[in-house]
Amino acid sequence: MIQEPEETAGEPEVEEVVDAEVVSAADPAVDGAAAEEAAAEATVESDLAALVEEARSQRDEYLDLAQRTKADFDNYRKRVAAESQAQIERGRLEVVSGLIEAIDNLERVLDAAGIEQEVALGGSLPENAPVTEQGVIVAYRDLHAVLRKAGVEAFDSKGEAFDPNLHEALQALPAEGVGSGIVLEVMQKGYRAGENVIRHARVVVSQ
């Protein structure tokens, strides 16, 4: 006689259930999405690097342009300042030249009146001189004072060696006991301001 197996009360039969929504880690769709995401990140990083490099290039270009512009402006400012100073100096020399010509005329009047230039520049006015002569002396002193304030002075070269930087030779004469190229006589005084010669002295030199 065959005995059938007894059923255990309260213990249901266990069935293995597979969830259809569980996706395997080896799913190709997941790998493709990850690859696309990585590629997108690489593209963004590449584009960002390109933008940074372009920004640096433009920065260097603008910096170079700014530096060249500043250098050009500095050169322009210096050139304008130099031209302005040169123009002021030319104007000053023109005024001084006019004063020197006036002094030349006054010296001719003094010579005609028999008044030495050194005497006219210093000391008191001659009491017995006419008012016109005294006026000439006063004007002569005032003009010399203006020249001194401007840093301009006359120079006497008699007895000195001829210097083309200071002198203009009008004539050469033989002279006993005097070497060649010595200033024998000053026909017209020279004037200078420091090292700058405003007017060369016109002289007679020895042969």
N, C-alpha and C. Protein backbone atom coordinates (compact mmCIF):
# COMPACT_ATOMS: atom_id res chain seq x y z
N MET A 1 0.85 -1.17 0.00
CA MET A 1 0.00 0.00 0.00
C MET A 1 0.88 1.22 0.00
N ILE A 2 0.56 2.17 -0.93
CA ILE A 2 1.41 3.40 -1.10
C ILE A 2 0.81 4.52 -0.32
N GLN A 3 1.70 5.19 0.48
CA GLN A 3 1.23 6.34 1.28
C GLN A 3 1.60 7.65 0.59
N GLU A 4 0.57 8.49 0.47
CA GLU A 4 0.82 9.81 -0.14
C GLU A 4 1.43 10.74 0.92
N PRO A 5 2.28 11.60 0.48
CA PRO A 5 2.91 12.53 1.44
C PRO A 5 1.88 13.42 2.09
N GLU A 6 2.12 13.67 3.33
CA GLU A 6 1.18 14.49 4.08
C GLU A 6 1.45 15.96 3.86
N GLU A 7 0.36 16.71 3.70
CA GLU A 7 0.49 18.15 3.53
C GLU A 7 0.68 18.80 4.88
N THR A 8 1.63 19.75 4.93
CA THR A 8 1.90 20.47 6.18
C THR A 8 0.97 21.63 6.26
N ALA A 9 0.17 21.66 7.24
CA ALA A 9 -0.82 22.72 7.38
C ALA A 9 -0.14 24.05 7.69
N GLY A 10 -0.61 25.16 6.96
CA GLY A 10 -0.11 26.52 7.23
C GLY A 10 1.18 26.85 6.54
N GLU A 11 1.76 26.02 5.73
CA GLU A 11 3.02 26.31 5.03
C GLU A 11 2.76 26.32 3.54
N PRO A 12 2.47 27.50 2.94
CA PRO A 12 2.18 27.57 1.50
C PRO A 12 3.41 27.24 0.68
N GLU A 13 3.10 26.83 -0.49
CA GLU A 13 4.19 26.45 -1.41
C GLU A 13 4.91 27.71 -1.87
N VAL A 14 6.27 27.74 -1.85
CA VAL A 14 7.10 28.91 -2.21
C VAL A 14 7.39 28.87 -3.68
N GLU A 15 7.06 29.98 -4.36
CA GLU A 15 7.34 30.09 -5.79
C GLU A 15 8.40 31.19 -5.99
N GLU A 16 9.34 30.99 -6.86
CA GLU A 16 10.40 31.95 -7.17
C GLU A 16 9.84 32.98 -8.14
N VAL A 17 9.91 34.26 -7.72
CA VAL A 17 9.36 35.35 -8.56
C VAL A 17 10.52 36.20 -9.05
N VAL A 18 10.48 36.50 -10.32
CA VAL A 18 11.50 37.36 -10.94
C VAL A 18 10.86 38.67 -11.30
N ASP A 19 11.41 39.84 -10.70
CA ASP A 19 10.84 41.16 -10.99
C ASP A 19 11.30 41.61 -12.37
N ALA A 20 10.37 41.88 -13.22
CA ALA A 20 10.69 42.25 -14.60
C ALA A 20 11.33 43.62 -14.68
N GLU A 21 11.16 44.46 -13.60
CA GLU A 21 11.70 45.81 -13.65
C GLU A 21 13.15 45.89 -13.24
N VAL A 22 13.71 44.83 -12.68
CA VAL A 22 15.12 44.83 -12.27
C VAL A 22 15.97 44.72 -13.52
N VAL A 23 16.87 45.66 -13.66
CA VAL A 23 17.69 45.70 -14.88
C VAL A 23 19.09 45.24 -14.53
N SER A 24 19.64 44.45 -15.35
CA SER A 24 20.99 43.93 -15.14
C SER A 24 22.01 45.05 -15.28
N ALA A 25 23.11 44.99 -14.47
CA ALA A 25 24.18 45.99 -14.53
C ALA A 25 24.90 45.96 -15.86
N ALA A 26 24.78 44.91 -16.56
CA ALA A 26 25.46 44.78 -17.84
C ALA A 26 24.57 45.24 -18.99
N ASP A 27 23.51 46.01 -18.64
CA ASP A 27 22.59 46.47 -19.69
C ASP A 27 23.31 47.45 -20.61
N PRO A 28 23.30 47.27 -21.92
CA PRO A 28 23.99 48.16 -22.87
C PRO A 28 23.46 49.58 -22.83
N ALA A 29 22.18 49.77 -22.50
CA ALA A 29 21.60 51.12 -22.47
C ALA A 29 22.28 51.97 -21.40
N VAL A 30 22.57 51.37 -20.25
CA VAL A 30 23.24 52.10 -19.17
C VAL A 30 24.64 52.50 -19.57
N ASP A 31 25.38 51.60 -20.18
CA ASP A 31 26.74 51.91 -20.63
C ASP A 31 26.74 53.04 -21.65
N GLY A 32 25.81 53.07 -22.55
CA GLY A 32 25.73 54.11 -23.57
C GLY A 32 25.45 55.48 -22.97
N ALA A 33 24.54 55.53 -21.99
CA ALA A 33 24.23 56.81 -21.35
C ALA A 33 25.43 57.36 -20.60
N ALA A 34 26.15 56.47 -19.91
CA ALA A 34 27.35 56.91 -19.18
C ALA A 34 28.41 57.44 -20.13
N ALA A 35 28.55 56.78 -21.27
CA ALA A 35 29.54 57.20 -22.26
C ALA A 35 29.18 58.57 -22.83
N GLU A 36 27.87 58.76 -23.09
CA GLU A 36 27.43 60.04 -23.62
C GLU A 36 27.66 61.16 -22.61
N GLU A 37 27.39 60.86 -21.34
CA GLU A 37 27.60 61.87 -20.30
C GLU A 37 29.08 62.24 -20.17
N ALA A 38 29.94 61.23 -20.24
CA ALA A 38 31.39 61.48 -20.16
C ALA A 38 31.87 62.29 -21.35
N ALA A 39 31.33 61.95 -22.55
CA ALA A 39 31.71 62.69 -23.75
C ALA A 39 31.26 64.14 -23.66
N ALA A 40 30.04 64.36 -23.11
CA ALA A 40 29.53 65.73 -22.97
C ALA A 40 30.41 66.52 -22.01
N GLU A 41 30.81 65.90 -20.89
CA GLU A 41 31.67 66.57 -19.94
C GLU A 41 33.02 66.93 -20.56
N ALA A 42 33.55 65.99 -21.36
CA ALA A 42 34.83 66.25 -22.03
C ALA A 42 34.70 67.40 -23.01
N THR A 43 33.57 67.46 -23.72
CA THR A 43 33.35 68.55 -24.68
C THR A 43 33.26 69.89 -23.97
N VAL A 44 32.53 69.92 -22.84
CA VAL A 44 32.40 71.15 -22.06
C VAL A 44 33.77 71.61 -21.56
N GLU A 45 34.55 70.66 -21.04
CA GLU A 45 35.88 71.01 -20.54
C GLU A 45 36.77 71.53 -21.66
N SER A 46 36.65 70.89 -22.84
CA SER A 46 37.45 71.33 -23.98
C SER A 46 37.04 72.72 -24.42
N ASP A 47 35.72 72.98 -24.48
CA ASP A 47 35.24 74.31 -24.87
C ASP A 47 35.66 75.36 -23.84
N LEU A 48 35.58 74.99 -22.55
CA LEU A 48 35.98 75.92 -21.51
C LEU A 48 37.46 76.26 -21.61
N ALA A 49 38.27 75.22 -21.87
CA ALA A 49 39.71 75.45 -22.01
C ALA A 49 40.00 76.36 -23.19
N ALA A 50 39.26 76.16 -24.30
CA ALA A 50 39.44 77.00 -25.48
C ALA A 50 39.06 78.45 -25.18
N LEU A 51 37.94 78.63 -24.44
CA LEU A 51 37.51 79.98 -24.08
C LEU A 51 38.53 80.66 -23.18
N VAL A 52 39.09 79.92 -22.22
CA VAL A 52 40.10 80.47 -21.32
C VAL A 52 41.34 80.89 -22.10
N GLU A 53 41.76 80.03 -23.04
CA GLU A 53 42.93 80.34 -23.85
C GLU A 53 42.70 81.56 -24.72
N GLU A 54 41.49 81.66 -25.30
CA GLU A 54 41.16 82.82 -26.11
C GLU A 54 41.13 84.09 -25.27
N ALA A 55 40.56 83.98 -24.04
CA ALA A 55 40.53 85.13 -23.15
C ALA A 55 41.93 85.58 -22.77
N ARG A 56 42.83 84.62 -22.51
CA ARG A 56 44.22 84.97 -22.18
C ARG A 56 44.90 85.65 -23.37
N SER A 57 44.64 85.13 -24.57
CA SER A 57 45.25 85.71 -25.76
C SER A 57 44.78 87.15 -25.96
N GLN A 58 43.45 87.36 -25.80
CA GLN A 58 42.92 88.71 -25.93
C GLN A 58 43.44 89.62 -24.83
N ARG A 59 43.58 89.06 -23.61
CA ARG A 59 44.13 89.86 -22.52
C ARG A 59 45.53 90.32 -22.85
N ASP A 60 46.38 89.40 -23.33
CA ASP A 60 47.75 89.76 -23.68
C ASP A 60 47.78 90.79 -24.81
N GLU A 61 46.88 90.63 -25.77
CA GLU A 61 46.82 91.56 -26.90
C GLU A 61 46.42 92.95 -26.42
N TYR A 62 45.39 93.03 -25.56
CA TYR A 62 44.95 94.32 -25.06
C TYR A 62 46.00 94.94 -24.14
N LEU A 63 46.68 94.10 -23.37
CA LEU A 63 47.73 94.61 -22.49
C LEU A 63 48.87 95.20 -23.31
N ASP A 64 49.25 94.49 -24.37
CA ASP A 64 50.32 94.99 -25.25
C ASP A 64 49.89 96.29 -25.91
N LEU A 65 48.63 96.35 -26.35
CA LEU A 65 48.12 97.57 -26.96
C LEU A 65 48.12 98.72 -25.97
N ALA A 66 47.69 98.44 -24.73
CA ALA A 66 47.67 99.48 -23.70
C ALA A 66 49.08 99.99 -23.40
N GLN A 67 50.04 99.07 -23.33
CA GLN A 67 51.42 99.46 -23.04
C GLN A 67 51.99 100.31 -24.17
N ARG A 68 51.71 99.90 -25.44
CA ARG A 68 52.21 100.67 -26.57
C ARG A 68 51.55 102.05 -26.63
N THR A 69 50.25 102.09 -26.31
CA THR A 69 49.54 103.36 -26.30
C THR A 69 50.11 104.28 -25.23
N LYS A 70 50.39 103.72 -24.05
CA LYS A 70 50.97 104.53 -22.96
C LYS A 70 52.35 105.04 -23.35
N ALA A 71 53.15 104.17 -23.97
CA ALA A 71 54.49 104.60 -24.40
C ALA A 71 54.40 105.70 -25.45
N ASP A 72 53.47 105.54 -26.41
CA ASP A 72 53.29 106.57 -27.43
C ASP A 72 52.85 107.89 -26.81
N PHE A 73 51.94 107.80 -25.82
CA PHE A 73 51.47 109.02 -25.17
C PHE A 73 52.59 109.69 -24.38
N ASP A 74 53.40 108.89 -23.69
CA ASP A 74 54.53 109.46 -22.94
C ASP A 74 55.51 110.16 -23.88
N ASN A 75 55.78 109.51 -25.03
CA ASN A 75 56.68 110.13 -26.01
C ASN A 75 56.07 111.42 -26.56
N TYR A 76 54.76 111.39 -26.82
CA TYR A 76 54.08 112.59 -27.32
C TYR A 76 54.15 113.71 -26.29
N ARG A 77 53.88 113.36 -25.03
CA ARG A 77 53.91 114.37 -23.97
C ARG A 77 55.31 114.97 -23.83
N LYS A 78 56.34 114.12 -23.89
CA LYS A 78 57.71 114.62 -23.79
C LYS A 78 58.05 115.50 -24.99
N ARG A 79 57.60 115.07 -26.19
CA ARG A 79 57.90 115.85 -27.39
C ARG A 79 57.22 117.22 -27.33
N VAL A 80 55.95 117.24 -26.88
CA VAL A 80 55.24 118.51 -26.77
C VAL A 80 55.91 119.41 -25.74
N ALA A 81 56.33 118.81 -24.60
CA ALA A 81 57.01 119.60 -23.57
C ALA A 81 58.33 120.17 -24.09
N ALA A 82 59.07 119.34 -24.86
CA ALA A 82 60.35 119.81 -25.41
C ALA A 82 60.12 120.92 -26.44
N GLU A 83 59.10 120.75 -27.29
CA GLU A 83 58.79 121.77 -28.29
C GLU A 83 58.34 123.06 -27.62
N SER A 84 57.54 122.92 -26.56
CA SER A 84 57.08 124.11 -25.84
C SER A 84 58.25 124.84 -25.20
N GLN A 85 59.16 124.07 -24.60
CA GLN A 85 60.34 124.68 -23.98
C GLN A 85 61.21 125.34 -25.03
N ALA A 86 61.36 124.68 -26.18
CA ALA A 86 62.17 125.26 -27.26
C ALA A 86 61.54 126.56 -27.78
N GLN A 87 60.21 126.57 -27.86
CA GLN A 87 59.52 127.77 -28.31
C GLN A 87 59.70 128.91 -27.32
N ILE A 88 59.61 128.58 -26.03
CA ILE A 88 59.84 129.60 -25.00
C ILE A 88 61.26 130.15 -25.10
N GLU A 89 62.22 129.23 -25.32
CA GLU A 89 63.62 129.65 -25.42
C GLU A 89 63.83 130.53 -26.65
N ARG A 90 63.18 130.17 -27.77
CA ARG A 90 63.31 131.00 -28.98
C ARG A 90 62.74 132.40 -28.73
N GLY A 91 61.58 132.44 -28.05
CA GLY A 91 60.99 133.74 -27.74
C GLY A 91 61.88 134.56 -26.83
N ARG A 92 62.49 133.89 -25.85
CA ARG A 92 63.40 134.60 -24.94
C ARG A 92 64.60 135.16 -25.69
N LEU A 93 65.15 134.34 -26.59
CA LEU A 93 66.32 134.80 -27.35
C LEU A 93 65.96 135.96 -28.28
N GLU A 94 64.75 135.94 -28.83
CA GLU A 94 64.33 137.05 -29.68
C GLU A 94 64.25 138.35 -28.88
N VAL A 95 63.69 138.24 -27.67
CA VAL A 95 63.61 139.43 -26.81
C VAL A 95 65.01 139.91 -26.43
N VAL A 96 65.87 138.96 -26.05
CA VAL A 96 67.23 139.32 -25.66
C VAL A 96 67.98 139.95 -26.84
N SER A 97 67.79 139.40 -28.03
CA SER A 97 68.46 139.96 -29.20
C SER A 97 68.02 141.40 -29.44
N GLY A 98 66.72 141.65 -29.24
CA GLY A 98 66.24 143.01 -29.38
C GLY A 98 66.86 143.95 -28.34
N LEU A 99 67.01 143.46 -27.11
CA LEU A 99 67.63 144.27 -26.06
C LEU A 99 69.10 144.55 -26.39
N ILE A 100 69.78 143.54 -26.94
CA ILE A 100 71.20 143.72 -27.27
C ILE A 100 71.36 144.78 -28.36
N GLU A 101 70.46 144.78 -29.33
CA GLU A 101 70.52 145.80 -30.38
C GLU A 101 70.30 147.20 -29.79
N ALA A 102 69.37 147.29 -28.83
CA ALA A 102 69.14 148.59 -28.18
C ALA A 102 70.37 149.03 -27.40
N ILE A 103 71.03 148.06 -26.74
CA ILE A 103 72.26 148.39 -26.00
C ILE A 103 73.35 148.85 -26.96
N ASP A 104 73.44 148.21 -28.12
CA ASP A 104 74.43 148.65 -29.12
C ASP A 104 74.22 150.11 -29.48
N ASN A 105 72.97 150.49 -29.69
CA ASN A 105 72.67 151.89 -30.05
C ASN A 105 73.03 152.84 -28.92
N LEU A 106 72.73 152.43 -27.67
CA LEU A 106 73.07 153.29 -26.53
C LEU A 106 74.59 153.42 -26.39
N GLU A 107 75.31 152.35 -26.68
CA GLU A 107 76.77 152.42 -26.58
C GLU A 107 77.35 153.36 -27.62
N ARG A 108 76.73 153.43 -28.78
CA ARG A 108 77.19 154.39 -29.80
C ARG A 108 76.99 155.82 -29.31
N VAL A 109 75.85 156.05 -28.63
CA VAL A 109 75.60 157.39 -28.08
C VAL A 109 76.62 157.71 -26.99
N LEU A 110 76.93 156.74 -26.14
CA LEU A 110 77.92 156.96 -25.08
C LEU A 110 79.29 157.26 -25.68
N ASP A 111 79.67 156.52 -26.70
CA ASP A 111 80.97 156.76 -27.34
C ASP A 111 81.01 158.16 -27.95
N ALA A 112 79.92 158.56 -28.57
CA ALA A 112 79.88 159.89 -29.18
C ALA A 112 79.97 160.98 -28.12
N ALA A 113 79.42 160.69 -26.92
CA ALA A 113 79.46 161.67 -25.84
C ALA A 113 80.75 161.58 -25.04
N GLY A 114 81.61 160.63 -25.37
CA GLY A 114 82.88 160.49 -24.67
C GLY A 114 82.72 159.87 -23.29
N ILE A 115 81.66 159.10 -23.09
CA ILE A 115 81.43 158.45 -21.79
C ILE A 115 81.81 156.98 -21.91
N GLU A 116 82.72 156.55 -21.06
CA GLU A 116 83.13 155.15 -21.11
C GLU A 116 82.00 154.25 -20.61
N GLN A 117 81.91 153.08 -21.22
CA GLN A 117 80.82 152.14 -20.89
C GLN A 117 80.92 151.67 -19.45
N GLU A 118 82.12 151.41 -18.97
CA GLU A 118 82.30 150.96 -17.59
C GLU A 118 81.84 152.03 -16.60
N VAL A 119 82.12 153.28 -16.94
CA VAL A 119 81.70 154.39 -16.07
C VAL A 119 80.18 154.51 -16.08
N ALA A 120 79.59 154.32 -17.26
CA ALA A 120 78.14 154.43 -17.39
C ALA A 120 77.43 153.35 -16.57
N LEU A 121 78.04 152.18 -16.45
CA LEU A 121 77.40 151.07 -15.74
C LEU A 121 77.52 151.19 -14.23
N GLY A 122 78.51 151.91 -13.75
CA GLY A 122 78.71 151.98 -12.30
C GLY A 122 78.88 153.41 -11.82
N GLY A 123 78.70 153.57 -10.52
CA GLY A 123 78.88 154.90 -9.94
C GLY A 123 77.65 155.77 -10.10
N SER A 124 77.80 157.00 -9.66
CA SER A 124 76.69 157.96 -9.74
C SER A 124 76.67 158.63 -11.10
N LEU A 125 75.54 159.21 -11.42
CA LEU A 125 75.41 159.91 -12.69
C LEU A 125 76.27 161.17 -12.70
N PRO A 126 76.93 161.45 -13.84
CA PRO A 126 77.73 162.68 -13.91
C PRO A 126 76.84 163.92 -13.76
N GLU A 127 77.17 164.76 -12.78
CA GLU A 127 76.30 165.91 -12.49
C GLU A 127 76.32 166.94 -13.60
N ASN A 128 77.45 167.10 -14.28
CA ASN A 128 77.56 168.13 -15.31
C ASN A 128 77.07 167.66 -16.67
N ALA A 129 76.62 166.41 -16.74
CA ALA A 129 76.14 165.88 -18.02
C ALA A 129 74.73 166.39 -18.28
N PRO A 130 74.39 166.63 -19.55
CA PRO A 130 73.02 167.03 -19.88
C PRO A 130 72.01 165.95 -19.47
N VAL A 131 70.77 166.36 -19.33
CA VAL A 131 69.73 165.42 -18.92
C VAL A 131 69.60 164.28 -19.92
N THR A 132 69.77 164.59 -21.20
CA THR A 132 69.64 163.55 -22.23
C THR A 132 70.71 162.47 -22.05
N GLU A 133 71.93 162.87 -21.73
CA GLU A 133 73.00 161.90 -21.51
C GLU A 133 72.73 161.08 -20.26
N GLN A 134 72.25 161.75 -19.22
CA GLN A 134 71.91 161.02 -18.00
C GLN A 134 70.79 160.00 -18.27
N GLY A 135 69.84 160.38 -19.12
CA GLY A 135 68.77 159.46 -19.48
C GLY A 135 69.30 158.24 -20.24
N VAL A 136 70.28 158.49 -21.13
CA VAL A 136 70.90 157.38 -21.87
C VAL A 136 71.61 156.44 -20.90
N ILE A 137 72.32 157.00 -19.92
CA ILE A 137 73.03 156.18 -18.95
C ILE A 137 72.06 155.33 -18.14
N VAL A 138 70.97 155.95 -17.69
CA VAL A 138 69.97 155.21 -16.91
C VAL A 138 69.38 154.07 -17.74
N ALA A 139 69.03 154.35 -19.00
CA ALA A 139 68.48 153.31 -19.87
C ALA A 139 69.50 152.20 -20.11
N TYR A 140 70.76 152.59 -20.27
CA TYR A 140 71.84 151.62 -20.49
C TYR A 140 71.98 150.69 -19.29
N ARG A 141 71.93 151.25 -18.09
CA ARG A 141 72.03 150.44 -16.88
C ARG A 141 70.81 149.51 -16.74
N ASP A 142 69.62 150.04 -17.01
CA ASP A 142 68.41 149.24 -16.86
C ASP A 142 68.41 148.04 -17.82
N LEU A 143 68.83 148.27 -19.05
CA LEU A 143 68.85 147.18 -20.02
C LEU A 143 69.86 146.11 -19.62
N HIS A 144 71.00 146.55 -19.11
CA HIS A 144 71.99 145.57 -18.65
C HIS A 144 71.45 144.78 -17.45
N ALA A 145 70.69 145.44 -16.59
CA ALA A 145 70.09 144.74 -15.44
C ALA A 145 69.09 143.69 -15.91
N VAL A 146 68.32 144.01 -16.96
CA VAL A 146 67.38 143.03 -17.51
C VAL A 146 68.13 141.83 -18.07
N LEU A 147 69.24 142.07 -18.76
CA LEU A 147 70.02 140.97 -19.32
C LEU A 147 70.59 140.09 -18.21
N ARG A 148 71.06 140.72 -17.14
CA ARG A 148 71.62 139.94 -16.03
C ARG A 148 70.55 139.04 -15.41
N LYS A 149 69.33 139.56 -15.25
CA LYS A 149 68.24 138.75 -14.71
C LYS A 149 67.92 137.57 -15.61
N ALA A 150 68.11 137.77 -16.91
CA ALA A 150 67.85 136.69 -17.87
C ALA A 150 69.03 135.74 -17.99
N GLY A 151 70.11 136.01 -17.24
CA GLY A 151 71.29 135.14 -17.29
C GLY A 151 72.16 135.39 -18.50
N VAL A 152 72.04 136.57 -19.09
CA VAL A 152 72.82 136.91 -20.29
C VAL A 152 73.91 137.90 -19.90
N GLU A 153 75.10 137.68 -20.45
CA GLU A 153 76.21 138.59 -20.14
C GLU A 153 77.06 138.79 -21.38
N ALA A 154 77.68 139.96 -21.44
CA ALA A 154 78.61 140.25 -22.53
C ALA A 154 79.97 139.66 -22.18
N PHE A 155 80.75 139.32 -23.19
CA PHE A 155 82.10 138.82 -22.93
C PHE A 155 83.09 139.58 -23.80
N ASP A 156 84.22 139.93 -23.17
CA ASP A 156 85.28 140.67 -23.85
C ASP A 156 86.41 139.69 -24.15
N SER A 157 86.78 139.59 -25.41
CA SER A 157 87.74 138.57 -25.82
C SER A 157 89.09 139.15 -26.22
N LYS A 158 89.32 140.42 -25.98
CA LYS A 158 90.58 141.02 -26.40
C LYS A 158 91.75 140.35 -25.71
N GLY A 159 92.77 139.97 -26.50
CA GLY A 159 93.95 139.30 -25.97
C GLY A 159 93.80 137.79 -25.88
N GLU A 160 92.61 137.27 -26.15
CA GLU A 160 92.40 135.82 -26.07
C GLU A 160 92.63 135.18 -27.45
N ALA A 161 92.82 133.88 -27.44
CA ALA A 161 92.96 133.14 -28.70
C ALA A 161 91.61 133.09 -29.42
N PHE A 162 91.68 133.18 -30.71
CA PHE A 162 90.46 133.16 -31.52
C PHE A 162 89.75 131.82 -31.36
N ASP A 163 88.45 131.87 -31.10
CA ASP A 163 87.63 130.67 -30.93
C ASP A 163 86.41 130.82 -31.83
N PRO A 164 86.31 129.99 -32.85
CA PRO A 164 85.16 130.12 -33.78
C PRO A 164 83.81 129.91 -33.10
N ASN A 165 83.82 129.27 -31.93
CA ASN A 165 82.57 129.10 -31.20
C ASN A 165 82.11 130.39 -30.52
N LEU A 166 83.06 131.33 -30.35
CA LEU A 166 82.75 132.58 -29.67
C LEU A 166 82.91 133.80 -30.57
N HIS A 167 83.78 133.68 -31.56
CA HIS A 167 84.18 134.87 -32.32
C HIS A 167 83.84 134.75 -33.80
N GLU A 168 83.69 135.91 -34.38
CA GLU A 168 83.57 136.03 -35.83
C GLU A 168 84.66 136.99 -36.29
N ALA A 169 85.61 136.47 -37.07
CA ALA A 169 86.76 137.28 -37.50
C ALA A 169 86.35 138.18 -38.66
N LEU A 170 86.52 139.49 -38.47
CA LEU A 170 86.23 140.45 -39.54
C LEU A 170 87.46 140.76 -40.36
N GLN A 171 88.61 140.63 -39.71
CA GLN A 171 89.86 141.00 -40.38
C GLN A 171 91.03 140.35 -39.67
N ALA A 172 92.10 140.09 -40.42
CA ALA A 172 93.34 139.55 -39.86
C ALA A 172 94.47 140.51 -40.20
N LEU A 173 95.20 140.93 -39.17
CA LEU A 173 96.27 141.91 -39.36
C LEU A 173 97.57 141.39 -38.75
N PRO A 174 98.70 141.78 -39.34
CA PRO A 174 99.98 141.42 -38.71
C PRO A 174 100.19 142.25 -37.44
N ALA A 175 100.78 141.63 -36.45
CA ALA A 175 101.03 142.34 -35.19
C ALA A 175 102.35 141.88 -34.62
N GLU A 176 103.20 142.87 -34.26
CA GLU A 176 104.51 142.54 -33.71
C GLU A 176 104.39 142.00 -32.30
N GLY A 177 105.15 140.94 -32.02
CA GLY A 177 105.18 140.37 -30.69
C GLY A 177 103.92 139.63 -30.28
N VAL A 178 103.05 139.40 -31.22
CA VAL A 178 101.79 138.69 -30.93
C VAL A 178 101.71 137.47 -31.84
N GLY A 179 101.41 136.34 -31.25
CA GLY A 179 101.28 135.12 -32.04
C GLY A 179 100.08 135.17 -32.96
N SER A 180 100.04 134.22 -33.83
CA SER A 180 98.93 134.16 -34.80
C SER A 180 97.64 133.73 -34.11
N GLY A 181 96.52 134.32 -34.56
CA GLY A 181 95.21 133.91 -34.07
C GLY A 181 94.82 134.48 -32.73
N ILE A 182 95.38 135.66 -32.37
CA ILE A 182 95.02 136.33 -31.12
C ILE A 182 94.08 137.49 -31.44
N VAL A 183 93.07 137.66 -30.61
CA VAL A 183 92.12 138.75 -30.81
C VAL A 183 92.81 140.07 -30.48
N LEU A 184 92.94 140.94 -31.51
CA LEU A 184 93.59 142.23 -31.32
C LEU A 184 92.58 143.31 -30.91
N GLU A 185 91.40 143.24 -31.46
CA GLU A 185 90.41 144.28 -31.17
C GLU A 185 89.00 143.69 -31.31
N VAL A 186 88.10 144.14 -30.45
CA VAL A 186 86.70 143.71 -30.50
C VAL A 186 85.89 144.82 -31.14
N MET A 187 85.33 144.54 -32.30
CA MET A 187 84.53 145.53 -33.01
C MET A 187 83.08 145.55 -32.51
N GLN A 188 82.62 144.40 -32.07
CA GLN A 188 81.26 144.31 -31.51
C GLN A 188 81.26 143.21 -30.45
N LYS A 189 80.80 143.55 -29.27
CA LYS A 189 80.84 142.60 -28.16
C LYS A 189 79.94 141.39 -28.43
N GLY A 190 80.37 140.28 -27.85
CA GLY A 190 79.55 139.08 -27.93
C GLY A 190 78.74 138.90 -26.66
N TYR A 191 77.67 138.13 -26.76
CA TYR A 191 76.80 137.86 -25.61
C TYR A 191 76.52 136.37 -25.53
N ARG A 192 76.40 135.89 -24.31
CA ARG A 192 76.09 134.48 -24.12
C ARG A 192 75.27 134.30 -22.84
N ALA A 193 74.54 133.19 -22.82
CA ALA A 193 73.77 132.80 -21.64
C ALA A 193 74.29 131.43 -21.22
N GLY A 194 75.14 131.43 -20.21
CA GLY A 194 75.79 130.18 -19.82
C GLY A 194 76.74 129.72 -20.92
N GLU A 195 76.51 128.50 -21.42
CA GLU A 195 77.34 127.97 -22.50
C GLU A 195 76.77 128.30 -23.87
N ASN A 196 75.58 128.87 -23.92
CA ASN A 196 74.94 129.18 -25.20
C ASN A 196 75.33 130.58 -25.67
N VAL A 197 75.91 130.64 -26.85
CA VAL A 197 76.30 131.93 -27.42
C VAL A 197 75.10 132.53 -28.14
N ILE A 198 74.70 133.73 -27.70
CA ILE A 198 73.57 134.41 -28.33
C ILE A 198 74.05 135.22 -29.53
N ARG A 199 75.21 135.85 -29.36
CA ARG A 199 75.79 136.58 -30.49
C ARG A 199 77.31 136.47 -30.42
N HIS A 200 77.91 136.07 -31.53
CA HIS A 200 79.36 135.97 -31.59
C HIS A 200 79.99 137.37 -31.56
N ALA A 201 81.14 137.45 -30.92
CA ALA A 201 81.87 138.72 -30.91
C ALA A 201 82.57 138.91 -32.26
N ARG A 202 82.43 140.08 -32.80
CA ARG A 202 83.09 140.40 -34.06
C ARG A 202 84.46 141.02 -33.74
N VAL A 203 85.50 140.37 -34.25
CA VAL A 203 86.85 140.74 -33.80
C VAL A 203 87.82 140.84 -34.97
N VAL A 204 88.96 141.51 -34.63
CA VAL A 204 90.12 141.56 -35.53
C VAL A 204 91.18 140.67 -34.90
N VAL A 205 91.77 139.77 -35.70
CA VAL A 205 92.75 138.83 -35.16
C VAL A 205 94.11 139.03 -35.80
N SER A 206 95.13 138.54 -35.12
CA SER A 206 96.48 138.63 -35.63
C SER A 206 96.76 137.53 -36.64
N GLN A 207 97.59 137.88 -37.61
CA GLN A 207 97.97 136.87 -38.62
C GLN A 207 99.07 135.96 -38.09
